[in-house]
Every structure is written in C-alpha cells, then in structure tokens.
Amino acid sequence: MLNITVKPSVTTCALVSMLALTACSGNQAAPPSANNGDGSTPSDTGTKTVTLSVMTSDRFLELAKQQFEQAHPNIKIDIKEYVAAPPAPAAGKGQNMVIMGKPDPKNIEKFVSSVGAELMSGKASDLIVMSGLPYKKYADKKLLENISDLMSKDAAFQKDNYYSSVFDAMKYNGALYTVPVKVGLNMWLGNQAVLSGEKIDDNKWTWADFKKIAGNWLTDKNNDGKPDTYPLGKIEPDQLITTMLGSSFTKFVDTGGKKAKFDTPEFVNLLKLAKSMYDDKIIPTDNVDNVVIQPKSNILMYMDMYSLPKMSFDGKAGYYNLPSENESKGTAFTTPMPIAINSKSANKKEAWEFIKFLLSDEIQAAKELNGFAVNKNGAKAQLNSLKTLGTGEGGAGKGMRLNLNGKEIALQAATDQEIAAMEKVLNNIKVYAENDSKITTIVSEETAPFFQGQKSAEEVAKVIQNKVSTYLQE
C-alpha cells in the first residue's frame, strides 16, 4: 500500500487523489456576474429554490452553492444529499492522508433507485447529479431537459470556451442531456525504461493487442519458474472485466436501443482473453513490486497527473490510454459530476443558471474542483498553478514534499514543457467511459463463476445477456 505523508509546510490543497483523497479548502473564486444572456437576472421578484440531488456532496459543490447564492440573491440552492460523506481527519504533524476506497455499492444502489423512482413519479429535484444513473434511458422517456438547446439559445454561453469533444462524447441522439462539470482520465502509468522502445499506438490498441505486446515483458532472470517482472500489477478479475467493459461500453450495450450485446463472440472472446491474462501470468495473483504498468486507471486531478509519474518507476513513468474495443479513438474519461435538468422542473431557467455557474471560468479554476476542468480557461488556470509549486506563490506551498514508501520526494514547479504535455493529453479527451451501475454490477457478479472455473464463457455471456436485456426493457 502506498503511504503518502504531507509535511506541515505543505499548503497546497490538490494532492494525489488517486492514491489518497481528503477534503480540502482553498482560496475561493470570485463569483461571476449573474445574467440570463439577455441582460436580465433570473427571478426578478421573489425567491426561488432550486433543488439538487446528489449521492454525496463535496466541498466544490458547497462552495459553488455559496458563491452562486451571493451572486443570485433571488435564487437558493437546496442540495439533497442521499449519503453523507465521512468526516475528514484532523490535520496534524506527520498526518497520513486517508485512503478512500470506492463508494459502497449499497449506497450507489440506494441513490440510483431513489432518484429513478422520483424521476418516474415526477417528483425529482430540479437538478440531478446522474452518477450511476442511465441518462439515456431517462432521456428516452422525456424526463431530462435538452441542454444542447439551452446552450444554443443562451448568448452568454460561449461553447468555444469548453472542450467540445467532452460534450460531444456525452451526447445522445445528437443532444446533451447531462453535462460533465468535471472529468477524470482513464489512463495507465507505464515504466518508460521498458516501454520507450516499444511501438505502441495507444490511441487504437485493443485488449488483444495489449496482451500480445505484454507477453514480451515477462521476465524470469533467476529461472525459478516465477516471473520477476509482470506486465500489469495485481487487479482482481471483477475489476479487470468491468475496466474492459468501461473502456468499450457502447460495444456491448446500446442503452438507447435497449439492446444488450453480451451473447456475442466478441464478448465471449473478451472474457476468455481476460482469464488468459491470469493463466499466462500477464497479471499476478498477489501484490508484486516489479511491474511494467500500474493498473490504477482513473487520474482524478491535475496534481495527480503531474506528480504520479515523478513518484513511479524512479521518475521514469509515462501515461497510456487504456485498450478499447470501440471504434472511437482518444483518451477516455469518466465524470463524477454529470448534471441533468429535470424536464418537469418548474425552475428550469434558474437550474440552467446554476449549471452555467458551475461551468464558468472562475468556478472551474477553483482548487476545490477536484477533477479536470471542462472549461478551457479554468483548465489553463489549474495548469498554471503547477508552475508555482515549491515557490510559495498562489498557495502552492513552498517546500512541498511527498513521502512514498519511506522515500521523500520534493515537488518542483512544473516546466512549460511539462504543462504543454499535459495540455496535449487534455485536448485528446474524446471517449466517454459510460457507466450504468446496474449493468456493471451484473457483469461483475455473473462473471465470477467463469473466473473461478465453474462456468464457461458462453454460459456466463448468456446469463448476462438475459439479465441486462431485462433491465434495459424496464
């Protein structure tokens, strides 16, 4: 397990969230001006309350609520949280940061079922953070507002200020029904000492391509019958298959067409390929020190993106896109905060104002964002903050040091070349790693007997096909 210790002199909020996340507070951004694109302010008379449903709120959302209400005195934001966040630990000398795991599946199920029932009954909040919810399903039922239409009709919303490929990737039937306020990147960290000589086109490699190349990285120098270097670090079978599904979701699930494609040669072969990675020792069954690629795949923050390569493989690490079975090429992304507007809301105008606020330059530049900005100006500000590391400027922390397994690493200011390399990756974000929590759970649970040798790939594929098809027809 990675142990990260932050020295007392550190004042930076953004810290290696993929390995450790804590609640941070920082300098608040100045609130943008309030307008509807036509010079007027929303709710000229009286006060309106916009409700927002989210599984668990965070510091960013609370900050945005506070600043939005200051800028819009006639609009209140009521955040409806379904699962409270765990309390942050008290800071102290030598305080190790808390390593936070994945959300409890029961909490996800509670949120998804509760909000789904509210949408179907017409009693949902004005705004909904659609994490884990099948937004295409609800768009088909005319329960979500067409946000592309709102964007095009609002003169104050400048589409050129955003990474359009991110919005395009989340469109359904040509329209945007949920907006990603921030994103995470699905990428691997690889050992450049091994990979620099390989001809890898990670913009189009498949899982079969990966396995074929990875076989060359297995070494057994002491001839003891056990590899002394593994291509990929330990990853549990359920995590591997859901990662494979996530990078190729639309290949096997047509949510809009309500069609599952699991009972196919493509998915059966993918299952067999996944199992062969364990059989052929591409993936170890235990934790090992010497690997070529770290399996942690979701890069959540700018500080992650900058610092993790310096903390891995003796500072000789590089990023690679995950393999995919999709035709779409480019870096895949997830979003922890996809927001939709309830089509039955009586406060659509005010709800759109809050989404615009969340997407504004100032809010997207806030340290509390804890994700990658979809606003280009916000991203530029976030990247530029890395240039002040170790200088004490901009709250970036003079003498910032991280402790990795007993080895202390000092982070220096990012160079223009390093910033340019990060910008290149961000401009290549094009593929949405779609997630439907129900389908992911079905795949995870039903593939277990296959990996345990109790059922064939064909049998498992049929079970998944039936269960997902039934779910899609609900």
Protein backbone atom coordinates (compact mmCIF):
# COMPACT_ATOMS: atom_id res chain seq x y z
CA MET A 1 0.00 0.00 0.00
CA LEU A 2 1.28 3.48 -0.84
CA ASN A 3 1.85 5.68 2.16
CA ILE A 4 1.75 9.41 1.49
CA THR A 5 2.76 11.82 4.20
CA VAL A 6 2.43 15.57 3.77
CA LYS A 7 4.88 17.78 5.63
CA PRO A 8 3.38 20.54 7.81
CA SER A 9 4.76 23.16 5.42
CA VAL A 10 2.50 21.98 2.63
CA THR A 11 -0.34 24.34 1.89
CA THR A 12 -1.48 23.01 -1.45
CA CYS A 13 -4.98 21.51 -1.47
CA ALA A 14 -4.72 19.31 -4.54
CA LEU A 15 -2.77 16.19 -3.59
CA VAL A 16 -2.51 12.86 -5.35
CA SER A 17 -6.16 11.93 -5.13
CA MET A 18 -5.85 8.63 -6.96
CA LEU A 19 -3.80 7.37 -4.05
CA ALA A 20 -5.34 9.46 -1.31
CA LEU A 21 -8.19 11.93 -1.11
CA THR A 22 -9.08 14.35 1.60
CA ALA A 23 -11.46 17.22 1.88
CA CYS A 24 -9.54 20.42 1.26
CA SER A 25 -10.46 24.05 1.36
CA GLY A 26 -8.68 26.81 -0.51
CA ASN A 27 -8.94 30.28 -1.90
CA GLN A 28 -12.45 30.98 -3.02
CA ALA A 29 -13.05 32.13 -6.55
CA ALA A 30 -14.75 35.43 -7.15
CA PRO A 31 -18.40 34.90 -8.18
CA PRO A 32 -19.15 35.54 -11.84
CA SER A 33 -21.76 38.11 -12.74
CA ALA A 34 -25.38 36.94 -12.87
CA ASN A 35 -27.35 37.22 -16.08
CA ASN A 36 -29.59 35.20 -18.35
CA GLY A 37 -27.84 36.11 -21.57
CA ASP A 38 -30.38 38.86 -22.22
CA GLY A 39 -29.23 41.35 -19.62
CA SER A 40 -31.82 40.38 -17.03
CA THR A 41 -31.35 38.49 -13.81
CA PRO A 42 -33.36 35.37 -13.04
CA SER A 43 -36.30 35.63 -10.67
CA ASP A 44 -36.61 39.42 -10.64
CA THR A 45 -39.26 39.17 -7.96
CA GLY A 46 -39.42 36.78 -5.07
CA THR A 47 -37.02 33.98 -4.20
CA LYS A 48 -36.89 30.62 -5.93
CA THR A 49 -35.34 27.45 -4.57
CA VAL A 50 -33.57 25.10 -6.94
CA THR A 51 -33.22 21.57 -5.56
CA LEU A 52 -30.24 19.39 -6.49
CA SER A 53 -29.98 15.64 -5.85
CA VAL A 54 -26.53 14.12 -5.35
CA MET A 55 -25.41 10.90 -3.72
CA THR A 56 -22.73 12.66 -1.68
CA SER A 57 -21.97 16.36 -1.76
CA ASP A 58 -18.43 17.74 -1.69
CA ARG A 59 -16.55 20.91 -0.91
CA PHE A 60 -16.70 22.08 -4.54
CA LEU A 61 -20.48 21.82 -4.71
CA GLU A 62 -20.90 23.54 -1.36
CA LEU A 63 -18.55 26.34 -2.45
CA ALA A 64 -20.43 26.79 -5.72
CA LYS A 65 -23.75 26.94 -3.86
CA GLN A 66 -22.40 29.61 -1.50
CA GLN A 67 -20.97 31.80 -4.24
CA PHE A 68 -23.93 31.34 -6.56
CA GLU A 69 -26.36 32.47 -3.88
CA GLN A 70 -24.19 35.51 -3.22
CA ALA A 71 -24.31 36.40 -6.91
CA HIS A 72 -28.00 35.50 -7.27
CA PRO A 73 -29.81 36.72 -4.11
CA ASN A 74 -33.19 35.65 -5.51
CA ILE A 75 -32.18 32.00 -6.01
CA LYS A 76 -31.41 29.45 -3.33
CA ILE A 77 -29.76 26.09 -3.98
CA ASP A 78 -31.00 23.22 -1.83
CA ILE A 79 -28.58 20.28 -2.01
CA LYS A 80 -30.32 16.97 -1.30
CA GLU A 81 -27.62 14.54 -0.21
CA TYR A 82 -28.52 10.84 -0.01
CA VAL A 83 -25.32 9.55 1.62
CA ALA A 84 -23.26 11.77 3.91
CA ALA A 85 -19.53 11.99 3.29
CA PRO A 86 -17.29 10.53 6.01
CA PRO A 87 -15.72 13.16 8.29
CA ALA A 88 -12.27 14.38 7.32
CA PRO A 89 -9.47 13.56 9.78
CA ALA A 90 -7.95 16.33 11.85
CA ALA A 91 -4.69 17.62 10.41
CA GLY A 92 -1.54 17.08 12.36
CA LYS A 93 2.20 16.73 12.12
CA GLY A 94 3.10 13.76 10.01
CA GLN A 95 -0.59 13.17 9.34
CA ASN A 96 -1.03 10.40 6.80
CA MET A 97 -3.77 11.16 4.34
CA VAL A 98 -6.81 8.88 4.41
CA ILE A 99 -7.01 6.42 1.54
CA MET A 100 -10.61 6.39 0.37
CA GLY A 101 -11.97 3.38 -1.43
CA LYS A 102 -14.81 3.03 -3.88
CA PRO A 103 -18.30 4.06 -2.78
CA ASP A 104 -20.30 1.32 -1.10
CA PRO A 105 -22.35 -0.45 -3.83
CA LYS A 106 -25.33 -0.40 -1.45
CA ASN A 107 -25.14 3.40 -1.30
CA ILE A 108 -24.96 3.62 -5.08
CA GLU A 109 -27.96 1.31 -5.40
CA LYS A 110 -29.89 3.38 -2.85
CA PHE A 111 -29.20 6.60 -4.72
CA VAL A 112 -29.91 5.20 -8.18
CA SER A 113 -33.18 3.52 -7.14
CA SER A 114 -34.39 6.52 -5.12
CA VAL A 115 -33.71 9.10 -7.80
CA GLY A 116 -35.03 6.80 -10.52
CA ALA A 117 -38.32 6.40 -8.66
CA GLU A 118 -38.53 10.17 -8.16
CA LEU A 119 -37.97 10.81 -11.86
CA MET A 120 -40.62 8.31 -12.89
CA SER A 121 -43.14 9.74 -10.44
CA GLY A 122 -42.50 13.33 -11.48
CA LYS A 123 -41.17 14.25 -8.04
CA ALA A 124 -37.45 14.52 -8.81
CA SER A 125 -35.27 17.52 -7.94
CA ASP A 126 -34.74 20.34 -10.41
CA LEU A 127 -31.12 19.27 -10.90
CA ILE A 128 -29.73 15.74 -10.62
CA VAL A 129 -26.15 14.54 -10.49
CA MET A 130 -26.63 11.46 -12.70
CA SER A 131 -23.70 9.39 -11.37
CA GLY A 132 -24.55 5.73 -11.97
CA LEU A 133 -27.94 6.61 -13.46
CA PRO A 134 -28.79 5.61 -17.06
CA TYR A 135 -29.28 9.08 -18.50
CA LYS A 136 -30.14 7.76 -21.97
CA LYS A 137 -32.99 5.73 -20.52
CA TYR A 138 -34.50 8.78 -18.87
CA ALA A 139 -33.86 10.94 -21.92
CA ASP A 140 -35.90 8.46 -23.97
CA LYS A 141 -38.75 8.88 -21.50
CA LYS A 142 -38.58 12.68 -21.97
CA LEU A 143 -37.67 13.14 -18.31
CA LEU A 144 -34.46 15.13 -18.92
CA GLU A 145 -34.14 18.56 -20.50
CA ASN A 146 -32.24 19.02 -23.77
CA ILE A 147 -29.26 21.03 -22.51
CA SER A 148 -27.80 21.45 -26.01
CA ASP A 149 -30.88 23.51 -26.79
CA LEU A 150 -30.34 25.68 -23.72
CA MET A 151 -26.70 26.24 -24.68
CA SER A 152 -27.51 27.26 -28.25
CA LYS A 153 -30.22 29.71 -27.18
CA ASP A 154 -28.13 31.42 -24.49
CA ALA A 155 -25.97 34.22 -25.89
CA ALA A 156 -24.00 34.33 -22.64
CA PHE A 157 -22.82 30.74 -23.04
CA GLN A 158 -19.73 30.56 -25.25
CA LYS A 159 -19.25 26.99 -26.48
CA ASP A 160 -15.74 27.75 -27.72
CA ASN A 161 -14.63 28.17 -24.10
CA TYR A 162 -15.07 24.44 -23.48
CA TYR A 163 -13.55 21.15 -24.54
CA SER A 164 -16.24 20.44 -27.12
CA SER A 165 -15.10 16.84 -27.60
CA VAL A 166 -16.08 16.11 -23.97
CA PHE A 167 -19.60 17.41 -24.53
CA ASP A 168 -19.85 15.66 -27.89
CA ALA A 169 -18.84 12.32 -26.36
CA MET A 170 -21.78 12.51 -23.93
CA LYS A 171 -24.41 13.46 -26.50
CA TYR A 172 -27.28 11.09 -27.12
CA ASN A 173 -29.23 11.27 -30.37
CA GLY A 174 -27.37 14.47 -31.14
CA ALA A 175 -28.27 16.25 -27.91
CA LEU A 176 -26.68 16.73 -24.50
CA TYR A 177 -28.91 15.60 -21.64
CA THR A 178 -26.30 15.60 -18.89
CA VAL A 179 -23.34 17.94 -18.54
CA PRO A 180 -20.00 16.83 -17.10
CA VAL A 181 -18.91 19.53 -14.67
CA LYS A 182 -15.53 17.85 -14.20
CA VAL A 183 -13.86 14.72 -15.52
CA GLY A 184 -11.32 12.05 -14.62
CA LEU A 185 -8.98 10.44 -17.14
CA ASN A 186 -8.80 6.69 -17.78
CA MET A 187 -5.08 6.18 -18.26
CA TRP A 188 -2.35 3.80 -17.19
CA LEU A 189 1.11 4.64 -15.87
CA GLY A 190 3.84 2.68 -17.61
CA ASN A 191 7.55 2.20 -16.98
CA GLN A 192 9.30 4.12 -19.73
CA ALA A 193 12.55 2.25 -19.11
CA VAL A 194 10.75 -0.77 -20.60
CA LEU A 195 8.17 0.81 -22.87
CA SER A 196 10.17 3.54 -24.61
CA GLY A 197 11.46 1.02 -27.12
CA GLU A 198 8.04 -0.47 -27.84
CA LYS A 199 5.94 0.57 -30.82
CA ILE A 200 2.67 1.25 -29.04
CA ASP A 201 -0.18 3.18 -30.61
CA ASP A 202 -2.33 3.58 -27.52
CA ASN A 203 -4.91 5.57 -29.47
CA LYS A 204 -6.14 2.41 -31.14
CA TRP A 205 -4.81 -0.67 -29.34
CA THR A 206 -7.26 -3.37 -28.30
CA TRP A 207 -7.03 -5.68 -25.29
CA ALA A 208 -5.72 -8.42 -27.57
CA ASP A 209 -3.03 -6.02 -28.81
CA PHE A 210 -2.10 -5.27 -25.22
CA LYS A 211 -1.76 -8.93 -24.27
CA LYS A 212 0.34 -9.71 -27.32
CA ILE A 213 2.78 -6.89 -26.56
CA ALA A 214 2.72 -7.51 -22.80
CA GLY A 215 3.89 -11.09 -23.27
CA ASN A 216 7.28 -9.66 -24.26
CA TRP A 217 7.65 -8.01 -20.86
CA LEU A 218 7.55 -11.22 -18.80
CA THR A 219 11.00 -12.00 -17.42
CA ASP A 220 12.39 -14.76 -15.24
CA LYS A 221 16.06 -13.95 -14.93
CA ASN A 222 16.72 -16.29 -11.99
CA ASN A 223 14.91 -19.20 -13.69
CA ASP A 224 12.83 -20.06 -10.64
CA GLY A 225 9.67 -20.55 -12.69
CA LYS A 226 8.12 -17.32 -11.42
CA PRO A 227 8.26 -14.03 -13.33
CA ASP A 228 10.46 -11.42 -11.70
CA THR A 229 8.68 -8.75 -13.74
CA TYR A 230 4.95 -8.74 -14.53
CA PRO A 231 3.38 -6.69 -17.34
CA LEU A 232 0.48 -5.49 -15.17
CA GLY A 233 0.11 -5.06 -11.42
CA LYS A 234 -2.42 -7.07 -9.41
CA ILE A 235 -6.04 -6.42 -10.30
CA GLU A 236 -8.99 -8.56 -9.23
CA PRO A 237 -10.94 -10.34 -12.02
CA ASP A 238 -14.13 -8.38 -11.37
CA GLN A 239 -12.19 -5.14 -11.61
CA LEU A 240 -10.47 -6.27 -14.80
CA ILE A 241 -13.66 -7.21 -16.61
CA THR A 242 -15.50 -4.05 -15.53
CA THR A 243 -12.49 -2.00 -16.65
CA MET A 244 -12.65 -3.77 -20.00
CA LEU A 245 -16.37 -3.07 -20.18
CA GLY A 246 -15.92 0.56 -19.20
CA SER A 247 -13.44 1.20 -21.99
CA SER A 248 -15.79 -0.42 -24.54
CA PHE A 249 -19.27 0.10 -23.08
CA THR A 250 -21.11 1.03 -26.27
CA LYS A 251 -19.66 -2.04 -28.00
CA PHE A 252 -21.76 -4.27 -25.76
CA VAL A 253 -24.65 -2.08 -24.61
CA ASP A 254 -26.97 0.01 -26.75
CA THR A 255 -28.80 1.76 -23.92
CA GLY A 256 -30.88 3.88 -26.25
CA GLY A 257 -31.88 0.96 -28.45
CA LYS A 258 -32.42 -1.17 -25.35
CA LYS A 259 -30.20 -3.87 -26.78
CA ALA A 260 -27.59 -5.93 -24.96
CA LYS A 261 -24.74 -7.45 -26.97
CA PHE A 262 -23.14 -9.80 -24.45
CA ASP A 263 -24.22 -13.09 -26.03
CA THR A 264 -21.81 -12.49 -28.89
CA PRO A 265 -18.44 -13.90 -30.00
CA GLU A 266 -16.87 -10.51 -29.23
CA PHE A 267 -17.80 -10.55 -25.54
CA VAL A 268 -17.15 -14.29 -25.14
CA ASN A 269 -13.67 -13.78 -26.59
CA LEU A 270 -13.10 -10.79 -24.31
CA LEU A 271 -13.98 -12.95 -21.29
CA LYS A 272 -11.57 -15.66 -22.40
CA LEU A 273 -8.89 -13.07 -23.03
CA ALA A 274 -9.35 -11.66 -19.53
CA LYS A 275 -8.96 -15.09 -17.93
CA SER A 276 -5.92 -15.89 -20.07
CA MET A 277 -4.13 -12.88 -18.59
CA TYR A 278 -4.10 -14.67 -15.24
CA ASP A 279 -3.36 -18.07 -16.73
CA ASP A 280 -0.44 -16.70 -18.73
CA LYS A 281 0.85 -14.60 -15.81
CA ILE A 282 0.31 -11.26 -17.52
CA ILE A 283 -1.42 -10.30 -14.26
CA PRO A 284 -0.13 -11.62 -10.89
CA THR A 285 -2.45 -13.14 -8.32
CA ASP A 286 -0.56 -11.41 -5.48
CA ASN A 287 0.89 -7.97 -4.95
CA VAL A 288 4.33 -7.69 -6.54
CA ASP A 289 6.89 -4.91 -6.70
CA ASN A 290 8.18 -5.23 -10.24
CA VAL A 291 5.52 -4.36 -12.84
CA VAL A 292 5.64 -2.61 -16.19
CA ILE A 293 2.22 -0.97 -15.91
CA GLN A 294 0.33 0.10 -12.81
CA PRO A 295 -3.35 -0.94 -13.10
CA LYS A 296 -4.71 2.16 -11.34
CA SER A 297 -6.50 3.80 -14.23
CA ASN A 298 -8.51 6.84 -13.12
CA ILE A 299 -6.47 10.04 -12.90
CA LEU A 300 -8.61 12.49 -10.97
CA MET A 301 -6.71 15.75 -10.59
CA TYR A 302 -4.05 17.96 -12.14
CA MET A 303 -1.74 17.27 -9.22
CA ASP A 304 -2.17 13.54 -9.86
CA MET A 305 -1.29 13.94 -13.48
CA TYR A 306 1.82 15.94 -12.67
CA SER A 307 3.13 14.15 -9.60
CA LEU A 308 2.34 10.46 -10.17
CA PRO A 309 4.89 9.99 -12.98
CA LYS A 310 7.53 11.53 -10.72
CA MET A 311 6.58 9.14 -7.92
CA SER A 312 6.52 5.99 -10.04
CA PHE A 313 9.19 3.85 -11.70
CA ASP A 314 12.01 6.02 -10.30
CA GLY A 315 10.56 9.04 -12.04
CA LYS A 316 10.56 7.33 -15.44
CA ALA A 317 6.83 6.89 -15.99
CA GLY A 318 4.54 7.81 -18.85
CA TYR A 319 0.80 7.79 -19.47
CA TYR A 320 -1.00 5.41 -21.81
CA ASN A 321 -4.63 5.19 -22.89
CA LEU A 322 -6.43 2.02 -21.85
CA PRO A 323 -7.06 -0.56 -24.58
CA SER A 324 -10.55 -0.48 -26.07
CA GLU A 325 -12.81 -2.48 -28.34
CA ASN A 326 -14.62 0.64 -29.55
CA GLU A 327 -14.07 2.38 -32.86
CA SER A 328 -13.76 5.74 -31.06
CA LYS A 329 -10.17 6.84 -30.61
CA GLY A 330 -8.62 9.09 -27.99
CA THR A 331 -8.34 9.36 -24.23
CA ALA A 332 -11.33 8.02 -22.31
CA PHE A 333 -12.87 9.94 -19.44
CA THR A 334 -15.30 9.47 -16.60
CA THR A 335 -17.21 12.16 -14.78
CA PRO A 336 -18.01 12.21 -11.06
CA MET A 337 -20.45 15.08 -11.57
CA PRO A 338 -22.72 14.75 -14.63
CA ILE A 339 -25.63 17.12 -14.05
CA ALA A 340 -29.03 16.93 -15.72
CA ILE A 341 -32.13 19.13 -15.55
CA ASN A 342 -35.46 17.52 -14.71
CA SER A 343 -37.73 18.20 -17.69
CA LYS A 344 -40.68 18.56 -15.32
CA SER A 345 -38.92 21.20 -13.22
CA ALA A 346 -40.71 24.49 -12.62
CA ASN A 347 -37.31 26.17 -12.24
CA LYS A 348 -35.55 25.26 -15.49
CA LYS A 349 -34.31 28.79 -16.08
CA GLU A 350 -32.75 29.02 -12.63
CA ALA A 351 -31.39 25.46 -12.86
CA TRP A 352 -29.61 26.34 -16.10
CA GLU A 353 -28.14 29.42 -14.42
CA PHE A 354 -26.57 27.21 -11.76
CA ILE A 355 -25.13 24.82 -14.35
CA LYS A 356 -23.63 27.79 -16.20
CA PHE A 357 -22.13 28.95 -12.91
CA LEU A 358 -20.57 25.52 -12.32
CA LEU A 359 -19.07 25.70 -15.80
CA SER A 360 -17.82 29.30 -15.51
CA ASP A 361 -14.15 30.29 -15.76
CA GLU A 362 -13.86 31.25 -12.11
CA ILE A 363 -15.53 28.19 -10.59
CA GLN A 364 -13.73 25.79 -12.94
CA ALA A 365 -10.44 27.33 -11.77
CA ALA A 366 -11.23 26.74 -8.08
CA LYS A 367 -8.81 24.46 -6.19
CA GLU A 368 -11.82 22.64 -4.77
CA LEU A 369 -12.81 21.33 -8.22
CA ASN A 370 -11.00 18.03 -7.53
CA GLY A 371 -11.21 16.99 -11.15
CA PHE A 372 -10.21 18.13 -14.61
CA ALA A 373 -11.98 21.26 -15.81
CA VAL A 374 -14.17 21.15 -18.93
CA ASN A 375 -13.73 24.91 -19.27
CA LYS A 376 -10.52 25.76 -21.15
CA ASN A 377 -9.81 28.94 -19.18
CA GLY A 378 -10.38 27.07 -15.94
CA ALA A 379 -8.02 24.33 -17.10
CA LYS A 380 -5.37 26.89 -18.01
CA ALA A 381 -5.57 28.41 -14.53
CA GLN A 382 -5.36 24.96 -12.92
CA LEU A 383 -2.31 24.04 -15.01
CA ASN A 384 -0.61 27.36 -14.36
CA SER A 385 -0.92 26.77 -10.61
CA LEU A 386 1.50 23.86 -11.05
CA LYS A 387 4.14 26.37 -12.16
CA THR A 388 4.19 27.82 -8.64
CA LEU A 389 4.88 24.57 -6.79
CA GLY A 390 7.72 24.98 -4.33
CA THR A 391 7.69 28.77 -4.63
CA GLY A 392 5.06 29.62 -2.02
CA GLU A 393 3.13 31.61 -4.64
CA GLY A 394 -0.58 31.17 -5.23
CA GLY A 395 -0.96 28.95 -2.18
CA ALA A 396 1.15 26.31 -3.92
CA GLY A 397 3.31 25.52 -0.93
CA LYS A 398 6.98 26.25 -0.53
CA GLY A 399 8.92 23.12 0.25
CA MET A 400 6.16 20.73 -0.80
CA ARG A 401 7.24 17.14 -0.17
CA LEU A 402 5.57 13.78 -0.52
CA ASN A 403 6.61 10.60 1.24
CA LEU A 404 6.32 7.48 -0.92
CA ASN A 405 7.03 4.23 0.94
CA GLY A 406 9.66 5.92 3.07
CA LYS A 407 11.23 7.82 0.17
CA GLU A 408 10.82 11.57 0.30
CA ILE A 409 10.11 13.37 -2.95
CA ALA A 410 10.19 17.14 -3.35
CA LEU A 411 7.86 18.55 -5.98
CA GLN A 412 9.27 21.40 -8.01
CA ALA A 413 7.47 23.90 -10.21
CA ALA A 414 6.19 22.40 -13.46
CA THR A 415 8.04 23.49 -16.59
CA ASP A 416 6.42 24.88 -19.72
CA GLN A 417 7.29 21.62 -21.47
CA GLU A 418 5.52 19.57 -18.80
CA ILE A 419 2.45 21.81 -18.96
CA ALA A 420 2.37 21.50 -22.76
CA ALA A 421 2.50 17.70 -22.49
CA MET A 422 -0.46 17.73 -20.10
CA GLU A 423 -2.40 20.07 -22.39
CA LYS A 424 -1.82 17.66 -25.27
CA VAL A 425 -3.44 14.86 -23.28
CA LEU A 426 -6.39 17.06 -22.27
CA ASN A 427 -7.01 18.05 -25.88
CA ASN A 428 -7.20 14.34 -26.77
CA ILE A 429 -10.12 13.57 -24.40
CA LYS A 430 -12.73 12.13 -26.75
CA VAL A 431 -14.25 8.91 -25.41
CA TYR A 432 -16.83 8.72 -22.63
CA ALA A 433 -16.33 5.61 -20.50
CA GLU A 434 -20.05 5.26 -19.94
CA ASN A 435 -21.21 3.67 -16.72
CA ASP A 436 -24.52 2.17 -15.74
CA SER A 437 -24.14 0.93 -12.17
CA LYS A 438 -26.77 -1.79 -12.62
CA ILE A 439 -25.11 -3.27 -15.72
CA THR A 440 -21.65 -3.04 -14.16
CA THR A 441 -22.90 -4.93 -11.10
CA ILE A 442 -24.48 -7.65 -13.24
CA VAL A 443 -21.27 -8.16 -15.21
CA SER A 444 -19.11 -8.13 -12.10
CA GLU A 445 -21.24 -10.68 -10.23
CA GLU A 446 -22.07 -13.02 -13.10
CA THR A 447 -18.51 -13.37 -14.41
CA ALA A 448 -17.20 -14.61 -11.05
CA PRO A 449 -18.13 -18.28 -11.74
CA PHE A 450 -16.23 -18.10 -15.04
CA PHE A 451 -13.03 -16.82 -13.47
CA GLN A 452 -13.39 -19.50 -10.78
CA GLY A 453 -13.68 -22.21 -13.43
CA GLN A 454 -17.28 -23.12 -12.55
CA LYS A 455 -18.98 -21.93 -15.77
CA SER A 456 -17.95 -21.48 -19.39
CA ALA A 457 -17.63 -18.09 -21.01
CA GLU A 458 -20.59 -18.91 -23.23
CA GLU A 459 -22.82 -19.80 -20.25
CA VAL A 460 -21.89 -16.61 -18.41
CA ALA A 461 -22.44 -14.46 -21.51
CA LYS A 462 -25.99 -15.84 -21.89
CA VAL A 463 -26.83 -15.09 -18.25
CA ILE A 464 -25.52 -11.53 -18.56
CA GLN A 465 -27.38 -11.07 -21.85
CA ASN A 466 -30.69 -12.10 -20.29
CA LYS A 467 -30.30 -10.01 -17.15
CA VAL A 468 -29.12 -6.86 -18.93
CA SER A 469 -31.84 -7.22 -21.59
CA THR A 470 -34.50 -7.49 -18.89
CA TYR A 471 -33.08 -4.43 -17.15
CA LEU A 472 -32.99 -2.38 -20.35
CA GLN A 473 -36.66 -3.14 -21.01
CA GLU A 474 -37.81 -1.99 -17.57
